[in-house]
């Protein structure tokens, strides 16, 4: 679940990852 924070990072590329709904 640690990677989820990375994927769901508003300051990072959300759309590029997998958490488009942030």
PDB file of N, CA and C in Angstrom:
ATOM      1  N   UNK A   1       0.838  -1.201   0.000  1.00  0.00           N
ATOM      2  CA  UNK A   1       0.000   0.000   0.000  1.00  0.00           C
ATOM      3  C   UNK A   1       0.878   1.259   0.000  1.00  0.00           C
ATOM      4  N   UNK A   2       2.158   1.037   0.170  1.00  0.00           N
ATOM      5  CA  UNK A   2       3.065   2.183   0.213  1.00  0.00           C
ATOM      6  C   UNK A   2       3.154   2.837  -1.163  1.00  0.00           C
ATOM      7  N   UNK A   3       3.070   2.011  -2.188  1.00  0.00           N
ATOM      8  CA  UNK A   3       3.186   2.551  -3.540  1.00  0.00           C
ATOM      9  C   UNK A   3       1.943   3.357  -3.908  1.00  0.00           C
ATOM     10  N   UNK A   4       0.832   3.082  -3.235  1.00  0.00           N
ATOM     11  CA  UNK A   4      -0.399   3.786  -3.549  1.00  0.00           C
ATOM     12  C   UNK A   4      -0.237   5.276  -3.251  1.00  0.00           C
ATOM     13  N   UNK A   5       0.505   5.579  -2.195  1.00  0.00           N
ATOM     14  CA  UNK A   5       0.736   6.980  -1.840  1.00  0.00           C
ATOM     15  C   UNK A   5       1.521   7.661  -2.958  1.00  0.00           C
ATOM     16  N   UNK A   6       2.439   6.901  -3.563  1.00  0.00           N
ATOM     17  CA  UNK A   6       3.248   7.433  -4.655  1.00  0.00           C
ATOM     18  C   UNK A   6       2.386   7.649  -5.896  1.00  0.00           C
ATOM     19  N   UNK A   7       1.500   6.667  -6.160  1.00  0.00           N
ATOM     20  CA  UNK A   7       0.638   6.766  -7.331  1.00  0.00           C
ATOM     21  C   UNK A   7      -0.415   7.839  -7.131  1.00  0.00           C
ATOM     22  N   UNK A   8      -0.917   7.926  -5.896  1.00  0.00           N
ATOM     23  CA  UNK A   8      -1.966   8.910  -5.608  1.00  0.00           C
ATOM     24  C   UNK A   8      -1.362  10.168  -5.023  1.00  0.00           C
ATOM     25  N   UNK A   9      -0.368  10.701  -5.705  1.00  0.00           N
ATOM     26  CA  UNK A   9       0.263  11.911  -5.201  1.00  0.00           C
ATOM     27  C   UNK A   9      -0.166  13.094  -6.056  1.00  0.00           C
ATOM     28  N   UNK A  10      -0.881  14.014  -5.465  1.00  0.00           N
ATOM     29  CA  UNK A  10      -1.383  15.171  -6.192  1.00  0.00           C
ATOM     30  C   UNK A  10      -0.223  16.014  -6.713  1.00  0.00           C
ATOM     31  N   UNK A  11       0.892  16.004  -5.981  1.00  0.00           N
ATOM     32  CA  UNK A  11       2.040  16.796  -6.402  1.00  0.00           C
ATOM     33  C   UNK A  11       2.818  16.099  -7.506  1.00  0.00           C
ATOM     34  N   UNK A  12       2.538  14.812  -7.718  1.00  0.00           N
ATOM     35  CA  UNK A  12       3.241  14.082  -8.775  1.00  0.00           C
ATOM     36  C   UNK A  12       2.306  13.890  -9.966  1.00  0.00           C
ATOM     37  N   UNK A  13       2.698  13.034 -10.875  1.00  0.00           N
ATOM     38  CA  UNK A  13       1.880  12.813 -12.064  1.00  0.00           C
ATOM     39  C   UNK A  13       0.783  11.799 -11.771  1.00  0.00           C
ATOM     40  N   UNK A  14      -0.401  12.281 -11.433  1.00  0.00           N
ATOM     41  CA  UNK A  14      -1.505  11.392 -11.089  1.00  0.00           C
ATOM     42  C   UNK A  14      -2.019  10.675 -12.343  1.00  0.00           C
ATOM     43  N   UNK A  15      -2.271  11.461 -13.405  1.00  0.00           N
ATOM     44  CA  UNK A  15      -2.809  10.872 -14.630  1.00  0.00           C
ATOM     45  C   UNK A  15      -1.825   9.883 -15.244  1.00  0.00           C
ATOM     46  N   UNK A  16      -0.530  10.183 -15.096  1.00  0.00           N
ATOM     47  CA  UNK A  16       0.486   9.299 -15.681  1.00  0.00           C
ATOM     48  C   UNK A  16       0.546   7.975 -14.941  1.00  0.00           C
ATOM     49  N   UNK A  17       0.153   8.000 -13.654  1.00  0.00           N
ATOM     50  CA  UNK A  17       0.238   6.788 -12.851  1.00  0.00           C
ATOM     51  C   UNK A  17      -1.055   5.983 -12.963  1.00  0.00           C
ATOM     52  N   UNK A  18      -1.802   5.878 -11.876  1.00  0.00           N
ATOM     53  CA  UNK A  18      -3.039   5.095 -11.951  1.00  0.00           C
ATOM     54  C   UNK A  18      -4.120   5.720 -11.094  1.00  0.00           C
ATOM     55  N   UNK A  19      -3.759   6.753 -10.320  1.00  0.00           N
ATOM     56  CA  UNK A  19      -4.757   7.394  -9.474  1.00  0.00           C
ATOM     57  C   UNK A  19      -5.223   8.696 -10.116  1.00  0.00           C
ATOM     58  N   UNK A  20      -6.058   8.602 -11.123  1.00  0.00           N
ATOM     59  CA  UNK A  20      -6.543   9.796 -11.803  1.00  0.00           C
ATOM     60  C   UNK A  20      -7.523  10.522 -10.899  1.00  0.00           C
ATOM     61  N   UNK A  21      -8.221   9.772 -10.044  1.00  0.00           N
ATOM     62  CA  UNK A  21      -9.206  10.372  -9.144  1.00  0.00           C
ATOM     63  C   UNK A  21      -8.553  10.675  -7.810  1.00  0.00           C
ATOM     64  N   UNK A  22      -7.977  11.856  -7.710  1.00  0.00           N
ATOM     65  CA  UNK A  22      -7.305  12.211  -6.463  1.00  0.00           C
ATOM     66  C   UNK A  22      -7.906  13.491  -5.893  1.00  0.00           C
TER      67      UNK A  22
END
